[in-house]
Amino acid sequence: MRISTDETDPGYQTWADLMCQGAKVEVFLDGIKQNEVDTADDVQGYVRRAQVDAWGEYVLRRDNVVLLQHCKGRVQIIINEGA
């Protein structure tokens, strides 16, 4: 399964449908819950998430756009329907 908050990504429609159903989605990478996930794909085994610093603040480019990290590993997407 692939989910994404990026409207240009193939996983966007899946994510949008889940949000319309009131589902809660949790993403885990190598067993660790991920926050600020933009895209997750359990078949390709990667997560794209916002990069944060040691204080939990977003890392920004010079033009104030949040930097994204691409992390590979064992991805689990947990859907709690109607949460």
N, C-alpha and C. Protein backbone atom coordinates (compact mmCIF):
# COMPACT_ATOMS: atom_id res chain seq x y z
N MET A 1 0.85 -1.18 0.00
CA MET A 1 0.00 0.00 0.00
C MET A 1 0.89 1.23 0.00
N ARG A 2 0.38 2.26 -0.62
CA ARG A 2 1.09 3.54 -0.65
C ARG A 2 0.09 4.63 -0.26
N ILE A 3 0.52 5.50 0.64
CA ILE A 3 -0.29 6.66 1.02
C ILE A 3 0.57 7.90 0.92
N SER A 4 -0.06 9.03 0.62
CA SER A 4 0.70 10.27 0.50
C SER A 4 -0.22 11.47 0.68
N THR A 5 0.31 12.50 1.31
CA THR A 5 -0.41 13.77 1.42
C THR A 5 -0.08 14.70 0.26
N ASP A 6 0.81 14.24 -0.61
CA ASP A 6 1.22 15.02 -1.79
C ASP A 6 0.23 14.74 -2.92
N GLU A 7 -0.48 15.76 -3.35
CA GLU A 7 -1.51 15.60 -4.37
C GLU A 7 -0.98 15.07 -5.70
N THR A 8 0.31 15.21 -5.96
CA THR A 8 0.88 14.72 -7.21
C THR A 8 1.35 13.27 -7.11
N ASP A 9 1.26 12.67 -5.95
CA ASP A 9 1.74 11.31 -5.71
C ASP A 9 0.63 10.29 -5.97
N PRO A 10 0.97 9.10 -6.49
CA PRO A 10 -0.04 8.07 -6.73
C PRO A 10 -0.77 7.60 -5.47
N GLY A 11 -0.17 7.79 -4.29
CA GLY A 11 -0.80 7.37 -3.04
C GLY A 11 -1.76 8.39 -2.45
N TYR A 12 -1.89 9.53 -3.11
CA TYR A 12 -2.73 10.59 -2.55
C TYR A 12 -4.21 10.18 -2.45
N GLN A 13 -4.74 9.57 -3.49
CA GLN A 13 -6.16 9.21 -3.48
C GLN A 13 -6.48 8.23 -2.36
N THR A 14 -5.58 7.29 -2.11
CA THR A 14 -5.77 6.34 -1.00
C THR A 14 -5.83 7.10 0.32
N TRP A 15 -4.88 8.01 0.53
CA TRP A 15 -4.85 8.80 1.76
C TRP A 15 -6.12 9.64 1.89
N ALA A 16 -6.52 10.30 0.80
CA ALA A 16 -7.71 11.16 0.84
C ALA A 16 -8.96 10.34 1.16
N ASP A 17 -9.08 9.16 0.58
CA ASP A 17 -10.23 8.29 0.87
C ASP A 17 -10.26 7.89 2.34
N LEU A 18 -9.10 7.56 2.88
CA LEU A 18 -9.03 7.18 4.30
C LEU A 18 -9.42 8.35 5.20
N MET A 19 -8.98 9.55 4.87
CA MET A 19 -9.32 10.72 5.67
C MET A 19 -10.83 10.99 5.60
N CYS A 20 -11.44 10.82 4.43
CA CYS A 20 -12.89 11.01 4.29
C CYS A 20 -13.67 10.01 5.12
N GLN A 21 -13.11 8.82 5.32
CA GLN A 21 -13.76 7.78 6.13
C GLN A 21 -13.52 7.98 7.62
N GLY A 22 -12.72 8.97 7.97
CA GLY A 22 -12.41 9.23 9.38
C GLY A 22 -11.39 8.27 9.95
N ALA A 23 -10.62 7.63 9.09
CA ALA A 23 -9.61 6.67 9.55
C ALA A 23 -8.39 7.39 10.13
N LYS A 24 -7.74 6.71 11.06
CA LYS A 24 -6.48 7.20 11.61
C LYS A 24 -5.39 6.31 11.05
N VAL A 25 -4.35 6.91 10.47
CA VAL A 25 -3.27 6.16 9.85
C VAL A 25 -2.00 6.35 10.67
N GLU A 26 -1.35 5.24 10.99
CA GLU A 26 -0.06 5.29 11.68
C GLU A 26 0.96 4.59 10.80
N VAL A 27 2.16 5.16 10.75
CA VAL A 27 3.23 4.60 9.93
C VAL A 27 4.41 4.25 10.84
N PHE A 28 4.94 3.04 10.62
CA PHE A 28 6.09 2.57 11.39
C PHE A 28 7.21 2.24 10.42
N LEU A 29 8.43 2.61 10.79
CA LEU A 29 9.62 2.29 10.02
C LEU A 29 10.54 1.48 10.92
N ASP A 30 10.79 0.23 10.55
CA ASP A 30 11.58 -0.69 11.36
C ASP A 30 11.06 -0.75 12.80
N GLY A 31 9.72 -0.73 12.94
CA GLY A 31 9.07 -0.87 14.23
C GLY A 31 8.94 0.41 15.04
N ILE A 32 9.42 1.53 14.52
CA ILE A 32 9.38 2.80 15.24
C ILE A 32 8.34 3.70 14.58
N LYS A 33 7.39 4.21 15.41
CA LYS A 33 6.34 5.08 14.87
C LYS A 33 6.96 6.35 14.29
N GLN A 34 6.48 6.72 13.11
CA GLN A 34 6.98 7.90 12.41
C GLN A 34 5.99 9.05 12.52
N ASN A 35 6.53 10.23 12.66
CA ASN A 35 5.72 11.45 12.70
C ASN A 35 6.01 12.29 11.47
N GLU A 36 5.09 13.16 11.14
CA GLU A 36 5.28 14.11 10.04
C GLU A 36 5.54 13.40 8.71
N VAL A 37 4.84 12.28 8.48
CA VAL A 37 5.04 11.50 7.25
C VAL A 37 4.28 12.15 6.10
N ASP A 38 4.96 12.31 5.00
CA ASP A 38 4.38 12.84 3.78
C ASP A 38 3.94 11.68 2.88
N THR A 39 4.80 10.67 2.76
CA THR A 39 4.52 9.51 1.91
C THR A 39 5.07 8.26 2.58
N ALA A 40 4.31 7.17 2.49
CA ALA A 40 4.78 5.88 2.98
C ALA A 40 4.39 4.81 1.98
N ASP A 41 5.31 3.89 1.73
CA ASP A 41 5.08 2.81 0.79
C ASP A 41 5.65 1.53 1.39
N ASP A 42 4.75 0.60 1.77
CA ASP A 42 5.22 -0.62 2.41
C ASP A 42 5.74 -1.65 1.41
N VAL A 43 5.44 -1.50 0.13
CA VAL A 43 5.95 -2.41 -0.90
C VAL A 43 7.37 -2.02 -1.28
N GLN A 44 7.57 -0.73 -1.52
CA GLN A 44 8.92 -0.25 -1.88
C GLN A 44 9.80 -0.07 -0.64
N GLY A 45 9.20 -0.05 0.54
CA GLY A 45 9.96 0.03 1.78
C GLY A 45 10.60 1.37 2.05
N TYR A 46 9.80 2.42 1.93
CA TYR A 46 10.36 3.72 2.29
C TYR A 46 9.30 4.67 2.83
N VAL A 47 9.80 5.64 3.59
CA VAL A 47 8.97 6.70 4.17
C VAL A 47 9.62 8.02 3.79
N ARG A 48 8.80 8.99 3.42
CA ARG A 48 9.28 10.35 3.21
C ARG A 48 8.63 11.18 4.30
N ARG A 49 9.45 11.87 5.09
CA ARG A 49 8.93 12.62 6.23
C ARG A 49 9.64 13.96 6.35
N ALA A 50 9.00 14.85 7.08
CA ALA A 50 9.61 16.16 7.33
C ALA A 50 10.85 15.97 8.20
N GLN A 51 11.89 16.69 7.87
CA GLN A 51 13.12 16.63 8.66
C GLN A 51 12.99 17.57 9.84
N VAL A 52 13.33 17.07 11.04
CA VAL A 52 13.31 17.90 12.24
C VAL A 52 14.69 17.87 12.90
N ASP A 53 14.99 18.94 13.65
CA ASP A 53 16.28 19.01 14.32
C ASP A 53 16.18 18.38 15.72
N ALA A 54 17.23 18.51 16.50
CA ALA A 54 17.30 17.90 17.83
C ALA A 54 16.24 18.45 18.78
N TRP A 55 15.71 19.62 18.50
CA TRP A 55 14.70 20.25 19.35
C TRP A 55 13.29 20.01 18.85
N GLY A 56 13.17 19.21 17.76
CA GLY A 56 11.86 18.90 17.21
C GLY A 56 11.31 19.96 16.28
N GLU A 57 12.14 20.91 15.88
CA GLU A 57 11.72 21.97 14.97
C GLU A 57 11.99 21.54 13.52
N TYR A 58 11.11 21.98 12.62
CA TYR A 58 11.32 21.66 11.21
C TYR A 58 12.62 22.27 10.71
N VAL A 59 13.32 21.54 9.85
CA VAL A 59 14.51 22.06 9.17
C VAL A 59 14.02 22.64 7.84
N LEU A 60 14.36 23.91 7.61
CA LEU A 60 13.87 24.62 6.43
C LEU A 60 14.99 24.92 5.45
N ARG A 61 14.60 24.96 4.17
CA ARG A 61 15.53 25.46 3.16
C ARG A 61 15.57 26.98 3.27
N ARG A 62 16.42 27.60 2.50
CA ARG A 62 16.53 29.07 2.53
C ARG A 62 15.23 29.75 2.13
N ASP A 63 14.42 29.06 1.31
CA ASP A 63 13.15 29.64 0.88
C ASP A 63 11.98 29.24 1.80
N ASN A 64 12.31 28.78 3.01
CA ASN A 64 11.35 28.42 4.06
C ASN A 64 10.47 27.22 3.72
N VAL A 65 10.94 26.35 2.84
CA VAL A 65 10.24 25.10 2.56
C VAL A 65 10.84 24.02 3.45
N VAL A 66 9.99 23.19 4.05
CA VAL A 66 10.45 22.13 4.94
C VAL A 66 11.22 21.08 4.14
N LEU A 67 12.41 20.73 4.66
CA LEU A 67 13.19 19.66 4.02
C LEU A 67 12.56 18.31 4.32
N LEU A 68 12.60 17.41 3.36
CA LEU A 68 12.05 16.07 3.53
C LEU A 68 13.18 15.05 3.55
N GLN A 69 13.01 14.00 4.37
CA GLN A 69 13.96 12.90 4.44
C GLN A 69 13.33 11.68 3.79
N HIS A 70 14.13 10.93 3.05
CA HIS A 70 13.70 9.66 2.48
C HIS A 70 14.40 8.57 3.29
N CYS A 71 13.61 7.75 3.98
CA CYS A 71 14.16 6.71 4.85
C CYS A 71 13.69 5.34 4.37
N LYS A 72 14.63 4.41 4.21
CA LYS A 72 14.31 3.07 3.74
C LYS A 72 14.31 2.09 4.90
N GLY A 73 13.49 1.06 4.78
CA GLY A 73 13.43 0.02 5.80
C GLY A 73 12.12 -0.74 5.70
N ARG A 74 11.79 -1.45 6.78
CA ARG A 74 10.54 -2.20 6.82
C ARG A 74 9.42 -1.25 7.25
N VAL A 75 8.49 -1.00 6.34
CA VAL A 75 7.41 -0.04 6.57
C VAL A 75 6.11 -0.78 6.85
N GLN A 76 5.43 -0.34 7.90
CA GLN A 76 4.10 -0.84 8.23
C GLN A 76 3.15 0.35 8.23
N ILE A 77 2.02 0.19 7.56
CA ILE A 77 0.98 1.22 7.55
C ILE A 77 -0.22 0.62 8.27
N ILE A 78 -0.56 1.20 9.41
CA ILE A 78 -1.66 0.70 10.24
C ILE A 78 -2.83 1.65 10.08
N ILE A 79 -3.99 1.10 9.71
CA ILE A 79 -5.20 1.90 9.52
C ILE A 79 -6.22 1.52 10.56
N ASN A 80 -6.64 2.50 11.36
CA ASN A 80 -7.70 2.32 12.34
C ASN A 80 -8.94 3.01 11.77
N GLU A 81 -9.82 2.21 11.20
CA GLU A 81 -10.98 2.75 10.50
C GLU A 81 -11.95 3.43 11.45
N GLY A 82 -12.44 4.59 11.04
CA GLY A 82 -13.44 5.31 11.81
C GLY A 82 -12.98 5.75 13.17
N ALA A 83 -11.67 5.96 13.33
CA ALA A 83 -11.11 6.37 14.63
C ALA A 83 -11.46 7.81 14.92
